[in-house]
Amino acid sequence: MKKDDIHVIFGFDMETDVGSFTPYYDGVKNATPPLIELFDKKGIKGTFYYTGDAARRNPDSVEIVKKSGNEVGCHSLFHETVGDELFPIPGVVPLLPEEVPFRIEKATEWVEQVLGHQPVSFRAPRLWGSTALLNSLEKLNYVSDASYPMYFYRERFIPYNPSKADWTKEGDMKIVEIPNFADMVMKSNDPGLERDRDQWPLFRTKGTDELMKHIDSFVRFLRERNLPVVLCFYFHPWEFIPIQESYHYGEARVTPDRFLTLGCGDKAMREFSLLIDRLKDMGSTFHRADDFAAYWNKAGKAGLG
């Protein structure tokens, strides 16, 4: 791997609209075709991480991704918390560590039933991973996991093979852990959590040009340390359709924070297309997560060359 190379992994978390806050799949149904069309037009590939429920309820979406040559991965069973909780969300209770293996097996099974073969790339909802999760994935022969929240742990800036004892440390697992992009140079105004380093969903709330400032900053950060540049991003299909400001159910109304709904729809699609162009202008290579994991195990650990 050459030190001037830039490697990009685009991941889409195929889940209910607005994460865990609605039961609808309008994004999965309606945004998959135009996103795949855009990928084809730009000549890039990525990974689409389906919850088991999303795959079962939307087999046509899975088939579109599969036939396009993009990767179908797994994103838990119902978008539940399968790892360590980083901040509390009312009504979203983390699984106990001993529950995780069965739940991951079942999620994998449901995606496999629709896909036709086992998924081998995973991302935890909200990037909330854990040691129990990684050991479960390793047992099932997953090759990549893109759950590490760089903004929170702030220790791993490039992919690594995790430890069986602590998934945030380097070890001898075969699975490749791919940290998610965050700006590790900016001054955080969020003491403790530092979630503002995580630049999702800046591409649609403030625009690609603003996001590129943080990308350029992180690229310099890595190159100053003689580290390879790997940029892993997460998006959601519901960001690319119009999203309601609030949702009413039988006993309550759910009003998502504004950052979740701002710029969703046509603006998000325009800015995402522009982001691809900006990254291409930098000479980036785009990967599926499974292909990148194989590349990393072969070339990444061999040094910068």
C-alpha atoms as a PDB file:
ATOM      1  CA  MET A   1       0.000   0.000   0.000  1.00  0.00           C
ATOM      2  CA  LYS A   2       1.486   3.351  -1.042  1.00  0.00           C
ATOM      3  CA  LYS A   3       1.307   6.171   1.468  1.00  0.00           C
ATOM      4  CA  ASP A   4      -0.233   8.550  -1.071  1.00  0.00           C
ATOM      5  CA  ASP A   5      -3.163   6.221  -1.797  1.00  0.00           C
ATOM      6  CA  ILE A   6      -6.646   7.068  -0.521  1.00  0.00           C
ATOM      7  CA  HIS A   7      -9.022   4.176   0.057  1.00  0.00           C
ATOM      8  CA  VAL A   8     -12.752   4.823   0.466  1.00  0.00           C
ATOM      9  CA  ILE A   9     -15.447   2.486   1.774  1.00  0.00           C
ATOM     10  CA  PHE A  10     -19.033   3.709   1.391  1.00  0.00           C
ATOM     11  CA  GLY A  11     -21.445   1.808   3.625  1.00  0.00           C
ATOM     12  CA  PHE A  12     -25.229   2.156   3.635  1.00  0.00           C
ATOM     13  CA  ASP A  13     -27.095   0.982   6.724  1.00  0.00           C
ATOM     14  CA  MET A  14     -30.288  -0.556   5.328  1.00  0.00           C
ATOM     15  CA  GLU A  15     -32.716  -0.102   8.203  1.00  0.00           C
ATOM     16  CA  THR A  16     -36.079   1.380   9.109  1.00  0.00           C
ATOM     17  CA  ASP A  17     -36.531   5.071   8.307  1.00  0.00           C
ATOM     18  CA  VAL A  18     -34.831   7.397  10.823  1.00  0.00           C
ATOM     19  CA  GLY A  19     -33.051   4.492  12.501  1.00  0.00           C
ATOM     20  CA  SER A  20     -35.026   2.965  15.352  1.00  0.00           C
ATOM     21  CA  PHE A  21     -37.668   5.688  15.444  1.00  0.00           C
ATOM     22  CA  THR A  22     -40.126   4.423  12.798  1.00  0.00           C
ATOM     23  CA  PRO A  23     -41.281   1.006  11.532  1.00  0.00           C
ATOM     24  CA  TYR A  24     -41.184   2.044   7.854  1.00  0.00           C
ATOM     25  CA  TYR A  25     -38.876   1.017   5.011  1.00  0.00           C
ATOM     26  CA  ASP A  26     -39.585   3.781   2.497  1.00  0.00           C
ATOM     27  CA  GLY A  27     -35.870   4.545   2.192  1.00  0.00           C
ATOM     28  CA  VAL A  28     -34.901   0.931   1.519  1.00  0.00           C
ATOM     29  CA  LYS A  29     -37.721   0.606  -1.033  1.00  0.00           C
ATOM     30  CA  ASN A  30     -37.335   3.904  -2.860  1.00  0.00           C
ATOM     31  CA  ALA A  31     -33.700   4.985  -2.477  1.00  0.00           C
ATOM     32  CA  THR A  32     -31.939   1.723  -3.369  1.00  0.00           C
ATOM     33  CA  PRO A  33     -32.540   1.946  -7.156  1.00  0.00           C
ATOM     34  CA  PRO A  34     -31.324   5.559  -7.599  1.00  0.00           C
ATOM     35  CA  LEU A  35     -28.327   4.953  -5.330  1.00  0.00           C
ATOM     36  CA  ILE A  36     -27.295   1.890  -7.307  1.00  0.00           C
ATOM     37  CA  GLU A  37     -27.829   3.842 -10.529  1.00  0.00           C
ATOM     38  CA  LEU A  38     -25.534   6.562  -9.183  1.00  0.00           C
ATOM     39  CA  PHE A  39     -22.895   3.999  -8.190  1.00  0.00           C
ATOM     40  CA  ASP A  40     -23.024   2.531 -11.684  1.00  0.00           C
ATOM     41  CA  LYS A  41     -22.759   5.975 -13.280  1.00  0.00           C
ATOM     42  CA  LYS A  42     -19.741   6.875 -11.145  1.00  0.00           C
ATOM     43  CA  GLY A  43     -18.122   3.459 -11.570  1.00  0.00           C
ATOM     44  CA  ILE A  44     -17.796   2.704  -7.859  1.00  0.00           C
ATOM     45  CA  LYS A  45     -18.795  -0.086  -5.481  1.00  0.00           C
ATOM     46  CA  GLY A  46     -19.758  -0.153  -1.822  1.00  0.00           C
ATOM     47  CA  THR A  47     -21.462  -2.213   0.875  1.00  0.00           C
ATOM     48  CA  PHE A  48     -25.137  -2.172   1.821  1.00  0.00           C
ATOM     49  CA  TYR A  49     -25.658  -3.457   5.374  1.00  0.00           C
ATOM     50  CA  TYR A  50     -29.175  -4.896   5.813  1.00  0.00           C
ATOM     51  CA  THR A  51     -30.841  -5.702   9.078  1.00  0.00           C
ATOM     52  CA  GLY A  52     -32.292  -9.186   8.898  1.00  0.00           C
ATOM     53  CA  ASP A  53     -35.779  -7.709   9.010  1.00  0.00           C
ATOM     54  CA  ALA A  54     -35.003  -5.217   6.236  1.00  0.00           C
ATOM     55  CA  ALA A  55     -33.737  -8.022   3.999  1.00  0.00           C
ATOM     56  CA  ARG A  56     -36.783 -10.212   4.647  1.00  0.00           C
ATOM     57  CA  ARG A  57     -39.248  -7.417   4.003  1.00  0.00           C
ATOM     58  CA  ASN A  58     -37.403  -5.972   0.998  1.00  0.00           C
ATOM     59  CA  PRO A  59     -36.000  -8.836  -1.088  1.00  0.00           C
ATOM     60  CA  ASP A  60     -36.207  -6.742  -4.261  1.00  0.00           C
ATOM     61  CA  SER A  61     -33.822  -4.200  -2.752  1.00  0.00           C
ATOM     62  CA  VAL A  62     -31.367  -6.953  -1.812  1.00  0.00           C
ATOM     63  CA  GLU A  63     -31.549  -8.367  -5.335  1.00  0.00           C
ATOM     64  CA  ILE A  64     -30.841  -4.952  -6.893  1.00  0.00           C
ATOM     65  CA  VAL A  65     -27.701  -4.558  -4.775  1.00  0.00           C
ATOM     66  CA  LYS A  66     -26.564  -8.125  -5.435  1.00  0.00           C
ATOM     67  CA  LYS A  67     -27.016  -7.918  -9.216  1.00  0.00           C
ATOM     68  CA  SER A  68     -25.178  -4.584  -9.358  1.00  0.00           C
ATOM     69  CA  GLY A  69     -21.997  -6.112  -7.982  1.00  0.00           C
ATOM     70  CA  ASN A  70     -22.159  -4.197  -4.736  1.00  0.00           C
ATOM     71  CA  GLU A  71     -21.893  -6.063  -1.450  1.00  0.00           C
ATOM     72  CA  VAL A  72     -24.802  -7.065   0.780  1.00  0.00           C
ATOM     73  CA  GLY A  73     -23.728  -7.035   4.426  1.00  0.00           C
ATOM     74  CA  CYS A  74     -25.511  -7.405   7.773  1.00  0.00           C
ATOM     75  CA  HIS A  75     -26.632  -4.704  10.240  1.00  0.00           C
ATOM     76  CA  SER A  76     -28.134  -6.749  13.138  1.00  0.00           C
ATOM     77  CA  LEU A  77     -31.624  -8.271  13.228  1.00  0.00           C
ATOM     78  CA  PHE A  78     -33.933  -5.320  14.032  1.00  0.00           C
ATOM     79  CA  HIS A  79     -31.446  -2.437  14.469  1.00  0.00           C
ATOM     80  CA  GLU A  80     -31.070  -3.341  18.116  1.00  0.00           C
ATOM     81  CA  THR A  81     -28.073  -2.446  20.281  1.00  0.00           C
ATOM     82  CA  VAL A  82     -25.772  -5.440  19.890  1.00  0.00           C
ATOM     83  CA  GLY A  83     -22.728  -3.791  21.469  1.00  0.00           C
ATOM     84  CA  ASP A  84     -21.718  -1.441  24.261  1.00  0.00           C
ATOM     85  CA  GLU A  85     -24.082   1.483  24.739  1.00  0.00           C
ATOM     86  CA  LEU A  86     -22.268   4.807  24.216  1.00  0.00           C
ATOM     87  CA  PHE A  87     -25.187   7.026  25.211  1.00  0.00           C
ATOM     88  CA  PRO A  88     -28.708   6.157  26.392  1.00  0.00           C
ATOM     89  CA  ILE A  89     -31.732   6.156  24.095  1.00  0.00           C
ATOM     90  CA  PRO A  90     -35.097   5.622  25.812  1.00  0.00           C
ATOM     91  CA  GLY A  91     -36.689   2.361  24.772  1.00  0.00           C
ATOM     92  CA  VAL A  92     -33.516   1.025  23.143  1.00  0.00           C
ATOM     93  CA  VAL A  93     -32.116  -1.525  25.596  1.00  0.00           C
ATOM     94  CA  PRO A  94     -28.748  -3.150  24.807  1.00  0.00           C
ATOM     95  CA  LEU A  95     -28.580  -6.913  24.489  1.00  0.00           C
ATOM     96  CA  LEU A  96     -26.784  -8.732  27.271  1.00  0.00           C
ATOM     97  CA  PRO A  97     -23.379 -10.014  26.090  1.00  0.00           C
ATOM     98  CA  GLU A  98     -24.561 -13.619  26.374  1.00  0.00           C
ATOM     99  CA  GLU A  99     -27.499 -12.815  24.058  1.00  0.00           C
ATOM    100  CA  VAL A 100     -25.303 -11.430  21.283  1.00  0.00           C
ATOM    101  CA  PRO A 101     -24.117 -14.688  19.617  1.00  0.00           C
ATOM    102  CA  PHE A 102     -27.644 -16.002  19.030  1.00  0.00           C
ATOM    103  CA  ARG A 103     -28.892 -12.652  17.759  1.00  0.00           C
ATOM    104  CA  ILE A 104     -25.992 -12.295  15.299  1.00  0.00           C
ATOM    105  CA  GLU A 105     -26.487 -15.865  14.094  1.00  0.00           C
ATOM    106  CA  LYS A 106     -30.178 -15.165  13.484  1.00  0.00           C
ATOM    107  CA  ALA A 107     -29.496 -11.851  11.715  1.00  0.00           C
ATOM    108  CA  THR A 108     -26.931 -13.553   9.499  1.00  0.00           C
ATOM    109  CA  GLU A 109     -29.385 -16.357   8.744  1.00  0.00           C
ATOM    110  CA  TRP A 110     -32.158 -13.976   7.702  1.00  0.00           C
ATOM    111  CA  VAL A 111     -29.920 -11.990   5.356  1.00  0.00           C
ATOM    112  CA  GLU A 112     -28.483 -15.218   3.947  1.00  0.00           C
ATOM    113  CA  GLN A 113     -31.956 -16.600   3.203  1.00  0.00           C
ATOM    114  CA  VAL A 114     -32.683 -13.615   0.959  1.00  0.00           C
ATOM    115  CA  LEU A 115     -29.197 -13.105  -0.459  1.00  0.00           C
ATOM    116  CA  GLY A 116     -28.470 -16.735  -1.286  1.00  0.00           C
ATOM    117  CA  HIS A 117     -25.161 -16.863   0.550  1.00  0.00           C
ATOM    118  CA  GLN A 118     -23.835 -15.731   3.911  1.00  0.00           C
ATOM    119  CA  PRO A 119     -22.951 -12.061   4.323  1.00  0.00           C
ATOM    120  CA  VAL A 120     -19.362 -11.522   5.452  1.00  0.00           C
ATOM    121  CA  SER A 121     -19.350  -7.807   6.321  1.00  0.00           C
ATOM    122  CA  PHE A 122     -21.068  -6.278   9.336  1.00  0.00           C
ATOM    123  CA  ARG A 123     -21.767  -2.913  10.893  1.00  0.00           C
ATOM    124  CA  ALA A 124     -23.377  -2.453  14.306  1.00  0.00           C
ATOM    125  CA  PRO A 125     -26.291  -0.025  14.637  1.00  0.00           C
ATOM    126  CA  ARG A 126     -25.006   3.405  15.728  1.00  0.00           C
ATOM    127  CA  LEU A 127     -21.427   2.010  15.617  1.00  0.00           C
ATOM    128  CA  TRP A 128     -22.029   0.437  19.024  1.00  0.00           C
ATOM    129  CA  GLY A 129     -19.785  -2.602  18.829  1.00  0.00           C
ATOM    130  CA  SER A 130     -18.355  -4.807  21.553  1.00  0.00           C
ATOM    131  CA  THR A 131     -15.958  -7.636  22.252  1.00  0.00           C
ATOM    132  CA  ALA A 132     -18.861 -10.105  22.401  1.00  0.00           C
ATOM    133  CA  LEU A 133     -20.003  -8.903  18.973  1.00  0.00           C
ATOM    134  CA  LEU A 134     -16.583  -9.253  17.364  1.00  0.00           C
ATOM    135  CA  ASN A 135     -16.090 -12.741  18.760  1.00  0.00           C
ATOM    136  CA  SER A 136     -19.503 -13.701  17.382  1.00  0.00           C
ATOM    137  CA  LEU A 137     -18.610 -12.340  13.953  1.00  0.00           C
ATOM    138  CA  GLU A 138     -15.262 -14.127  13.989  1.00  0.00           C
ATOM    139  CA  LYS A 139     -16.970 -17.418  14.790  1.00  0.00           C
ATOM    140  CA  LEU A 140     -19.266 -16.942  11.794  1.00  0.00           C
ATOM    141  CA  ASN A 141     -16.305 -16.206   9.486  1.00  0.00           C
ATOM    142  CA  TYR A 142     -17.125 -12.564   8.824  1.00  0.00           C
ATOM    143  CA  VAL A 143     -14.179 -10.868   7.127  1.00  0.00           C
ATOM    144  CA  SER A 144     -14.904  -7.221   7.978  1.00  0.00           C
ATOM    145  CA  ASP A 145     -16.631  -5.120  10.612  1.00  0.00           C
ATOM    146  CA  ALA A 146     -17.119  -1.370  10.226  1.00  0.00           C
ATOM    147  CA  SER A 147     -18.365  -0.532  13.724  1.00  0.00           C
ATOM    148  CA  TYR A 148     -15.400   1.171  15.426  1.00  0.00           C
ATOM    149  CA  PRO A 149     -16.432   4.766  16.309  1.00  0.00           C
ATOM    150  CA  MET A 150     -13.178   6.678  15.973  1.00  0.00           C
ATOM    151  CA  TYR A 151     -14.743   9.813  17.442  1.00  0.00           C
ATOM    152  CA  PHE A 152     -15.405   7.992  20.730  1.00  0.00           C
ATOM    153  CA  TYR A 153     -12.465   5.636  21.362  1.00  0.00           C
ATOM    154  CA  ARG A 154      -9.940   7.842  19.529  1.00  0.00           C
ATOM    155  CA  GLU A 155      -7.213   5.186  19.471  1.00  0.00           C
ATOM    156  CA  ARG A 156      -7.466   3.411  16.102  1.00  0.00           C
ATOM    157  CA  PHE A 157      -7.140   5.555  12.998  1.00  0.00           C
ATOM    158  CA  ILE A 158      -6.550   2.777  10.462  1.00  0.00           C
ATOM    159  CA  PRO A 159      -7.931  -0.751  10.021  1.00  0.00           C
ATOM    160  CA  TYR A 160      -6.668  -3.492  12.327  1.00  0.00           C
ATOM    161  CA  ASN A 161      -7.226  -7.078  13.406  1.00  0.00           C
ATOM    162  CA  PRO A 162      -8.843  -6.888  16.853  1.00  0.00           C
ATOM    163  CA  SER A 163      -8.121  -8.757  20.056  1.00  0.00           C
ATOM    164  CA  LYS A 164     -10.445 -11.488  21.295  1.00  0.00           C
ATOM    165  CA  ALA A 165     -10.162  -9.945  24.785  1.00  0.00           C
ATOM    166  CA  ASP A 166     -10.874  -6.327  23.779  1.00  0.00           C
ATOM    167  CA  TRP A 167     -12.207  -5.418  20.365  1.00  0.00           C
ATOM    168  CA  THR A 168     -10.760  -1.889  20.561  1.00  0.00           C
ATOM    169  CA  LYS A 169      -7.199  -3.281  20.799  1.00  0.00           C
ATOM    170  CA  GLU A 170      -5.067  -4.956  18.180  1.00  0.00           C
ATOM    171  CA  GLY A 171      -4.879  -8.728  18.299  1.00  0.00           C
ATOM    172  CA  ASP A 172      -4.851 -11.875  16.214  1.00  0.00           C
ATOM    173  CA  MET A 173      -8.420 -12.133  14.935  1.00  0.00           C
ATOM    174  CA  LYS A 174      -8.808 -12.755  11.207  1.00  0.00           C
ATOM    175  CA  ILE A 175     -11.627 -10.231  10.842  1.00  0.00           C
ATOM    176  CA  VAL A 176     -10.599  -6.704   9.830  1.00  0.00           C
ATOM    177  CA  GLU A 177     -12.010  -3.851  11.916  1.00  0.00           C
ATOM    178  CA  ILE A 178     -12.484  -0.689   9.832  1.00  0.00           C
ATOM    179  CA  PRO A 179     -12.737   2.541  11.888  1.00  0.00           C
ATOM    180  CA  ASN A 180     -15.325   5.076  10.752  1.00  0.00           C
ATOM    181  CA  PHE A 181     -14.094   8.474   9.596  1.00  0.00           C
ATOM    182  CA  ALA A 182     -13.954  11.297  12.124  1.00  0.00           C
ATOM    183  CA  ASP A 183     -12.038  14.578  12.233  1.00  0.00           C
ATOM    184  CA  MET A 184      -9.344  13.912  14.826  1.00  0.00           C
ATOM    185  CA  VAL A 185      -7.853  17.405  14.468  1.00  0.00           C
ATOM    186  CA  MET A 186     -10.811  19.666  15.203  1.00  0.00           C
ATOM    187  CA  LYS A 187     -11.516  20.974  18.692  1.00  0.00           C
ATOM    188  CA  SER A 188     -14.546  19.180  20.071  1.00  0.00           C
ATOM    189  CA  ASN A 189     -17.324  21.053  21.823  1.00  0.00           C
ATOM    190  CA  ASP A 190     -18.793  17.823  23.170  1.00  0.00           C
ATOM    191  CA  PRO A 191     -16.736  16.882  26.263  1.00  0.00           C
ATOM    192  CA  GLY A 192     -16.501  13.172  26.918  1.00  0.00           C
ATOM    193  CA  LEU A 193     -18.477  11.827  23.972  1.00  0.00           C
ATOM    194  CA  GLU A 194     -16.896  14.095  21.305  1.00  0.00           C
ATOM    195  CA  ARG A 195     -19.587  13.071  18.852  1.00  0.00           C
ATOM    196  CA  ASP A 196     -19.136  16.272  16.848  1.00  0.00           C
ATOM    197  CA  ARG A 197     -15.916  14.750  15.460  1.00  0.00           C
ATOM    198  CA  ASP A 198     -18.128  12.228  13.656  1.00  0.00           C
ATOM    199  CA  GLN A 199     -18.938  14.107  10.463  1.00  0.00           C
ATOM    200  CA  TRP A 200     -22.197  12.337   9.589  1.00  0.00           C
ATOM    201  CA  PRO A 201     -24.533  13.823   8.339  1.00  0.00           C
ATOM    202  CA  LEU A 202     -22.613  16.980   7.395  1.00  0.00           C
ATOM    203  CA  PHE A 203     -22.791  16.213   3.650  1.00  0.00           C
ATOM    204  CA  ARG A 204     -26.517  17.022   3.634  1.00  0.00           C
ATOM    205  CA  THR A 205     -26.886  19.441   6.565  1.00  0.00           C
ATOM    206  CA  LYS A 206     -24.100  21.834   5.544  1.00  0.00           C
ATOM    207  CA  GLY A 207     -22.936  20.443   2.222  1.00  0.00           C
ATOM    208  CA  THR A 208     -20.084  18.499   0.680  1.00  0.00           C
ATOM    209  CA  ASP A 209     -17.713  21.464   0.594  1.00  0.00           C
ATOM    210  CA  GLU A 210     -17.944  21.754   4.382  1.00  0.00           C
ATOM    211  CA  LEU A 211     -17.415  18.021   4.800  1.00  0.00           C
ATOM    212  CA  MET A 212     -14.367  18.112   2.547  1.00  0.00           C
ATOM    213  CA  LYS A 213     -12.639  20.515   4.951  1.00  0.00           C
ATOM    214  CA  HIS A 214     -12.790  17.799   7.614  1.00  0.00           C
ATOM    215  CA  ILE A 215     -11.751  15.085   5.180  1.00  0.00           C
ATOM    216  CA  ASP A 216      -8.723  17.125   4.081  1.00  0.00           C
ATOM    217  CA  SER A 217      -7.828  17.737   7.725  1.00  0.00           C
ATOM    218  CA  PHE A 218      -7.973  14.024   8.558  1.00  0.00           C
ATOM    219  CA  VAL A 219      -5.955  13.063   5.475  1.00  0.00           C
ATOM    220  CA  ARG A 220      -3.200  15.457   6.590  1.00  0.00           C
ATOM    221  CA  PHE A 221      -3.437  14.028  10.119  1.00  0.00           C
ATOM    222  CA  LEU A 222      -2.777  10.515   8.795  1.00  0.00           C
ATOM    223  CA  ARG A 223      -0.031  11.478   6.384  1.00  0.00           C
ATOM    224  CA  GLU A 224       1.844  13.443   9.042  1.00  0.00           C
ATOM    225  CA  ARG A 225       1.974  10.179  11.010  1.00  0.00           C
ATOM    226  CA  ASN A 226       2.995   8.139   7.963  1.00  0.00           C
ATOM    227  CA  LEU A 227      -0.262   6.176   8.177  1.00  0.00           C
ATOM    228  CA  PRO A 228      -2.282   4.897   5.205  1.00  0.00           C
ATOM    229  CA  VAL A 229      -5.410   6.863   4.341  1.00  0.00           C
ATOM    230  CA  VAL A 230      -8.588   4.811   4.716  1.00  0.00           C
ATOM    231  CA  LEU A 231     -11.902   6.684   4.802  1.00  0.00           C
ATOM    232  CA  CYS A 232     -14.931   4.662   5.882  1.00  0.00           C
ATOM    233  CA  PHE A 233     -18.294   6.449   5.705  1.00  0.00           C
ATOM    234  CA  TYR A 234     -21.799   5.467   6.764  1.00  0.00           C
ATOM    235  CA  PHE A 235     -25.062   6.620   5.186  1.00  0.00           C
ATOM    236  CA  HIS A 236     -28.699   5.477   5.273  1.00  0.00           C
ATOM    237  CA  PRO A 237     -31.200   5.030   2.432  1.00  0.00           C
ATOM    238  CA  TRP A 238     -33.811   7.114   4.270  1.00  0.00           C
ATOM    239  CA  GLU A 239     -31.528  10.148   3.969  1.00  0.00           C
ATOM    240  CA  PHE A 240     -32.205  10.139   0.229  1.00  0.00           C
ATOM    241  CA  ILE A 241     -35.979  10.445   0.429  1.00  0.00           C
ATOM    242  CA  PRO A 242     -38.113  13.251   1.957  1.00  0.00           C
ATOM    243  CA  ILE A 243     -38.461  12.632   5.704  1.00  0.00           C
ATOM    244  CA  GLN A 244     -41.319  13.813   7.915  1.00  0.00           C
ATOM    245  CA  GLU A 245     -40.590  16.174  10.785  1.00  0.00           C
ATOM    246  CA  SER A 246     -42.563  13.961  13.181  1.00  0.00           C
ATOM    247  CA  TYR A 247     -44.391  10.626  13.297  1.00  0.00           C
ATOM    248  CA  HIS A 248     -47.531   9.808  15.256  1.00  0.00           C
ATOM    249  CA  TYR A 249     -48.230   6.338  16.608  1.00  0.00           C
ATOM    250  CA  GLY A 250     -51.097   5.065  18.724  1.00  0.00           C
ATOM    251  CA  GLU A 251     -50.002   6.664  21.993  1.00  0.00           C
ATOM    252  CA  ALA A 252     -47.276   9.175  21.221  1.00  0.00           C
ATOM    253  CA  ARG A 253     -45.617  11.401  18.669  1.00  0.00           C
ATOM    254  CA  VAL A 254     -41.943  10.951  17.777  1.00  0.00           C
ATOM    255  CA  THR A 255     -40.116  14.114  16.665  1.00  0.00           C
ATOM    256  CA  PRO A 256     -36.562  13.346  15.511  1.00  0.00           C
ATOM    257  CA  ASP A 257     -33.832  15.902  16.186  1.00  0.00           C
ATOM    258  CA  ARG A 258     -33.492  18.304  13.278  1.00  0.00           C
ATOM    259  CA  PHE A 259     -30.112  16.988  12.161  1.00  0.00           C
ATOM    260  CA  LEU A 260     -31.759  13.658  11.353  1.00  0.00           C
ATOM    261  CA  THR A 261     -34.196  15.175   8.860  1.00  0.00           C
ATOM    262  CA  LEU A 262     -32.402  18.269   7.546  1.00  0.00           C
ATOM    263  CA  GLY A 263     -31.447  18.044   3.876  1.00  0.00           C
ATOM    264  CA  CYS A 264     -32.920  14.591   3.314  1.00  0.00           C
ATOM    265  CA  GLY A 265     -34.160  13.830  -0.181  1.00  0.00           C
ATOM    266  CA  ASP A 266     -32.952  15.493  -3.374  1.00  0.00           C
ATOM    267  CA  LYS A 267     -30.351  17.646  -1.634  1.00  0.00           C
ATOM    268  CA  ALA A 268     -28.738  14.608  -0.034  1.00  0.00           C
ATOM    269  CA  MET A 269     -28.534  12.864  -3.418  1.00  0.00           C
ATOM    270  CA  ARG A 270     -26.958  15.924  -5.075  1.00  0.00           C
ATOM    271  CA  GLU A 271     -24.421  16.379  -2.298  1.00  0.00           C
ATOM    272  CA  PHE A 272     -23.575  12.682  -2.209  1.00  0.00           C
ATOM    273  CA  SER A 273     -22.913  12.719  -5.945  1.00  0.00           C
ATOM    274  CA  LEU A 274     -20.670  15.738  -5.435  1.00  0.00           C
ATOM    275  CA  LEU A 275     -18.855  13.961  -2.590  1.00  0.00           C
ATOM    276  CA  ILE A 276     -18.031  11.071  -4.904  1.00  0.00           C
ATOM    277  CA  ASP A 277     -16.614  13.526  -7.445  1.00  0.00           C
ATOM    278  CA  ARG A 278     -14.534  15.327  -4.808  1.00  0.00           C
ATOM    279  CA  LEU A 279     -13.074  12.064  -3.549  1.00  0.00           C
ATOM    280  CA  LYS A 280     -12.373  10.953  -7.109  1.00  0.00           C
ATOM    281  CA  ASP A 281     -10.551  14.235  -7.724  1.00  0.00           C
ATOM    282  CA  MET A 282      -8.260  13.249  -4.818  1.00  0.00           C
ATOM    283  CA  GLY A 283      -7.419   9.999  -6.621  1.00  0.00           C
ATOM    284  CA  SER A 284      -9.411   7.778  -4.273  1.00  0.00           C
ATOM    285  CA  THR A 285      -9.999   4.081  -4.824  1.00  0.00           C
ATOM    286  CA  PHE A 286     -13.467   2.846  -3.807  1.00  0.00           C
ATOM    287  CA  HIS A 287     -13.998  -0.576  -2.229  1.00  0.00           C
ATOM    288  CA  ARG A 288     -16.611  -2.974  -1.007  1.00  0.00           C
ATOM    289  CA  ALA A 289     -15.873  -3.785   2.625  1.00  0.00           C
ATOM    290  CA  ASP A 290     -15.160  -7.473   1.929  1.00  0.00           C
ATOM    291  CA  ASP A 291     -12.782  -6.664  -0.923  1.00  0.00           C
ATOM    292  CA  PHE A 292     -11.035  -4.050   1.189  1.00  0.00           C
ATOM    293  CA  ALA A 293     -10.545  -6.525   4.045  1.00  0.00           C
ATOM    294  CA  ALA A 294      -8.822  -8.950   1.683  1.00  0.00           C
ATOM    295  CA  TYR A 295      -6.705  -6.115   0.304  1.00  0.00           C
ATOM    296  CA  TRP A 296      -5.760  -4.924   3.782  1.00  0.00           C
ATOM    297  CA  ASN A 297      -4.723  -8.364   5.009  1.00  0.00           C
ATOM    298  CA  LYS A 298      -2.524  -8.751   1.951  1.00  0.00           C
ATOM    299  CA  ALA A 299      -1.154  -5.255   1.329  1.00  0.00           C
ATOM    300  CA  GLY A 300      -2.058  -3.015   4.235  1.00  0.00           C
ATOM    301  CA  LYS A 301      -0.006  -4.807   6.852  1.00  0.00           C
ATOM    302  CA  ALA A 302       2.955  -4.993   4.521  1.00  0.00           C
ATOM    303  CA  GLY A 303       3.701  -1.330   5.164  1.00  0.00           C
ATOM    304  CA  LEU A 304       3.321   1.812   3.122  1.00  0.00           C
ATOM    305  CA  GLY A 305       5.670   0.729   0.350  1.00  0.00           C
END
